[in-house]
């Protein structure tokens, strides 16, 4: 019951909100990966301790990422609850992420 009430307070970000809140920022799960979502659509990533590069885009209101570039694309809706962000895929558990300034920005 608590989960249902908490999820009811989530705001699903629109495509414009995704671009506004995520472009030029770093998203991370805090442990396994960190992706810098460059404003030109490139991704600079550290994934399981390895430097990788990829691409990102917004499609149908979802954040879509391909790391490395030749990998298949993963797309998620992004939900916000107060200052917390979550990646959500149909049928999957939400992944809590942190959104931070990209390295070298304020």
C-alpha atoms as a PDB file:
ATOM      1  CA  UNK A   1       0.000   0.000   0.000  1.00  0.00           C
ATOM      2  CA  UNK A   2       2.803   2.440   0.835  1.00  0.00           C
ATOM      3  CA  UNK A   3       4.468   1.811  -2.540  1.00  0.00           C
ATOM      4  CA  UNK A   4       1.237   2.576  -4.378  1.00  0.00           C
ATOM      5  CA  UNK A   5       0.787   5.842  -2.515  1.00  0.00           C
ATOM      6  CA  UNK A   6       4.417   6.850  -3.058  1.00  0.00           C
ATOM      7  CA  UNK A   7       4.278   6.075  -6.785  1.00  0.00           C
ATOM      8  CA  UNK A   8       1.095   8.099  -7.088  1.00  0.00           C
ATOM      9  CA  UNK A   9       3.129  11.175  -6.143  1.00  0.00           C
ATOM     10  CA  UNK A  10       5.686  10.579  -8.921  1.00  0.00           C
ATOM     11  CA  UNK A  11       5.750  13.012 -11.807  1.00  0.00           C
ATOM     12  CA  UNK A  12       6.560  11.476 -15.194  1.00  0.00           C
ATOM     13  CA  UNK A  13       8.835  13.906 -17.011  1.00  0.00           C
ATOM     14  CA  UNK A  14       7.821  15.027 -20.502  1.00  0.00           C
ATOM     15  CA  UNK A  15      10.307  15.170 -23.368  1.00  0.00           C
ATOM     16  CA  UNK A  16      10.879  18.905 -22.787  1.00  0.00           C
ATOM     17  CA  UNK A  17      11.381  18.334 -19.047  1.00  0.00           C
ATOM     18  CA  UNK A  18      13.831  15.508 -19.767  1.00  0.00           C
ATOM     19  CA  UNK A  19      15.913  17.781 -21.980  1.00  0.00           C
ATOM     20  CA  UNK A  20      15.748  20.609 -19.439  1.00  0.00           C
ATOM     21  CA  UNK A  21      16.707  18.490 -16.422  1.00  0.00           C
ATOM     22  CA  UNK A  22      19.155  15.986 -17.967  1.00  0.00           C
ATOM     23  CA  UNK A  23      20.963  17.509 -20.973  1.00  0.00           C
ATOM     24  CA  UNK A  24      24.480  18.500 -19.981  1.00  0.00           C
ATOM     25  CA  UNK A  25      24.202  16.588 -16.683  1.00  0.00           C
ATOM     26  CA  UNK A  26      25.570  13.374 -15.226  1.00  0.00           C
ATOM     27  CA  UNK A  27      23.180  10.601 -14.253  1.00  0.00           C
ATOM     28  CA  UNK A  28      24.407   7.764 -12.059  1.00  0.00           C
ATOM     29  CA  UNK A  29      23.192   4.882  -9.968  1.00  0.00           C
ATOM     30  CA  UNK A  30      25.968   5.812  -7.533  1.00  0.00           C
ATOM     31  CA  UNK A  31      27.723   2.443  -7.800  1.00  0.00           C
ATOM     32  CA  UNK A  32      27.840   0.716 -11.177  1.00  0.00           C
ATOM     33  CA  UNK A  33      27.640   3.412 -13.835  1.00  0.00           C
ATOM     34  CA  UNK A  34      27.831   7.117 -14.512  1.00  0.00           C
ATOM     35  CA  UNK A  35      26.701   8.724 -17.793  1.00  0.00           C
ATOM     36  CA  UNK A  36      27.424  12.293 -18.846  1.00  0.00           C
ATOM     37  CA  UNK A  37      24.564  13.252 -21.196  1.00  0.00           C
ATOM     38  CA  UNK A  38      26.292  15.813 -23.399  1.00  0.00           C
ATOM     39  CA  UNK A  39      24.032  18.409 -25.032  1.00  0.00           C
ATOM     40  CA  UNK A  40      25.060  17.175 -28.508  1.00  0.00           C
ATOM     41  CA  UNK A  41      23.599  13.695 -27.894  1.00  0.00           C
ATOM     42  CA  UNK A  42      26.877  11.971 -26.999  1.00  0.00           C
ATOM     43  CA  UNK A  43      27.363   9.998 -23.793  1.00  0.00           C
ATOM     44  CA  UNK A  44      30.656   9.814 -21.904  1.00  0.00           C
ATOM     45  CA  UNK A  45      30.292   6.855 -19.576  1.00  0.00           C
ATOM     46  CA  UNK A  46      32.021   4.934 -16.869  1.00  0.00           C
ATOM     47  CA  UNK A  47      30.318   1.557 -16.777  1.00  0.00           C
ATOM     48  CA  UNK A  48      31.561  -1.055 -14.278  1.00  0.00           C
ATOM     49  CA  UNK A  49      34.900   0.788 -14.090  1.00  0.00           C
ATOM     50  CA  UNK A  50      35.424   0.998 -17.872  1.00  0.00           C
ATOM     51  CA  UNK A  51      35.337   4.181 -19.944  1.00  0.00           C
ATOM     52  CA  UNK A  52      32.770   3.905 -22.720  1.00  0.00           C
ATOM     53  CA  UNK A  53      31.067   6.218 -25.147  1.00  0.00           C
ATOM     54  CA  UNK A  54      27.596   6.163 -26.580  1.00  0.00           C
ATOM     55  CA  UNK A  55      24.630   8.250 -27.606  1.00  0.00           C
ATOM     56  CA  UNK A  56      21.393   9.406 -26.029  1.00  0.00           C
ATOM     57  CA  UNK A  57      18.128  10.882 -27.255  1.00  0.00           C
ATOM     58  CA  UNK A  58      14.594  11.552 -26.177  1.00  0.00           C
ATOM     59  CA  UNK A  59      11.955   9.553 -28.016  1.00  0.00           C
ATOM     60  CA  UNK A  60       8.217   9.509 -27.290  1.00  0.00           C
ATOM     61  CA  UNK A  61       8.818  11.081 -23.871  1.00  0.00           C
ATOM     62  CA  UNK A  62      11.451   8.531 -22.866  1.00  0.00           C
ATOM     63  CA  UNK A  63      15.189   8.748 -22.266  1.00  0.00           C
ATOM     64  CA  UNK A  64      16.932   6.388 -24.678  1.00  0.00           C
ATOM     65  CA  UNK A  65      20.609   5.497 -24.225  1.00  0.00           C
ATOM     66  CA  UNK A  66      22.964   3.308 -26.223  1.00  0.00           C
ATOM     67  CA  UNK A  67      26.305   2.522 -24.511  1.00  0.00           C
ATOM     68  CA  UNK A  68      28.438   1.503 -26.280  1.00  0.00           C
ATOM     69  CA  UNK A  69      27.269   3.025 -29.562  1.00  0.00           C
ATOM     70  CA  UNK A  70      26.830  -0.372 -31.243  1.00  0.00           C
ATOM     71  CA  UNK A  71      24.724  -1.774 -28.361  1.00  0.00           C
ATOM     72  CA  UNK A  72      20.956  -2.005 -28.494  1.00  0.00           C
ATOM     73  CA  UNK A  73      19.099   1.067 -27.256  1.00  0.00           C
ATOM     74  CA  UNK A  74      17.522   1.059 -23.794  1.00  0.00           C
ATOM     75  CA  UNK A  75      14.623   3.454 -23.158  1.00  0.00           C
ATOM     76  CA  UNK A  76      13.042   4.484 -19.852  1.00  0.00           C
ATOM     77  CA  UNK A  77      10.431   6.883 -18.652  1.00  0.00           C
ATOM     78  CA  UNK A  78      11.907   9.168 -16.009  1.00  0.00           C
ATOM     79  CA  UNK A  79       9.931   9.882 -12.877  1.00  0.00           C
ATOM     80  CA  UNK A  80      10.630  12.540 -10.313  1.00  0.00           C
ATOM     81  CA  UNK A  81       9.547  12.479  -6.687  1.00  0.00           C
ATOM     82  CA  UNK A  82      10.602  15.707  -4.972  1.00  0.00           C
ATOM     83  CA  UNK A  83      14.377  15.751  -5.636  1.00  0.00           C
ATOM     84  CA  UNK A  84      14.657  12.018  -6.419  1.00  0.00           C
ATOM     85  CA  UNK A  85      14.727  10.634  -9.962  1.00  0.00           C
ATOM     86  CA  UNK A  86      13.890   7.124 -11.164  1.00  0.00           C
ATOM     87  CA  UNK A  87      14.357   5.290 -14.470  1.00  0.00           C
ATOM     88  CA  UNK A  88      11.293   3.133 -15.099  1.00  0.00           C
ATOM     89  CA  UNK A  89      10.757   0.503 -17.753  1.00  0.00           C
ATOM     90  CA  UNK A  90       7.477  -1.351 -18.279  1.00  0.00           C
ATOM     91  CA  UNK A  91       7.498  -4.433 -16.076  1.00  0.00           C
ATOM     92  CA  UNK A  92      10.796  -3.532 -14.393  1.00  0.00           C
ATOM     93  CA  UNK A  93      11.707  -2.242 -10.973  1.00  0.00           C
ATOM     94  CA  UNK A  94      12.459   1.518 -10.802  1.00  0.00           C
ATOM     95  CA  UNK A  95      16.152   2.414 -10.720  1.00  0.00           C
ATOM     96  CA  UNK A  96      16.902   5.371  -8.474  1.00  0.00           C
ATOM     97  CA  UNK A  97      19.413   7.745 -10.049  1.00  0.00           C
ATOM     98  CA  UNK A  98      21.215  10.879  -9.009  1.00  0.00           C
ATOM     99  CA  UNK A  99      21.355  13.839 -11.390  1.00  0.00           C
ATOM    100  CA  UNK A 100      24.516  15.919 -10.959  1.00  0.00           C
ATOM    101  CA  UNK A 101      26.312  18.695 -12.820  1.00  0.00           C
ATOM    102  CA  UNK A 102      28.622  17.286 -15.494  1.00  0.00           C
ATOM    103  CA  UNK A 103      32.351  17.442 -14.701  1.00  0.00           C
ATOM    104  CA  UNK A 104      33.714  20.932 -15.348  1.00  0.00           C
ATOM    105  CA  UNK A 105      30.315  22.647 -14.968  1.00  0.00           C
ATOM    106  CA  UNK A 106      28.682  24.341 -12.005  1.00  0.00           C
END
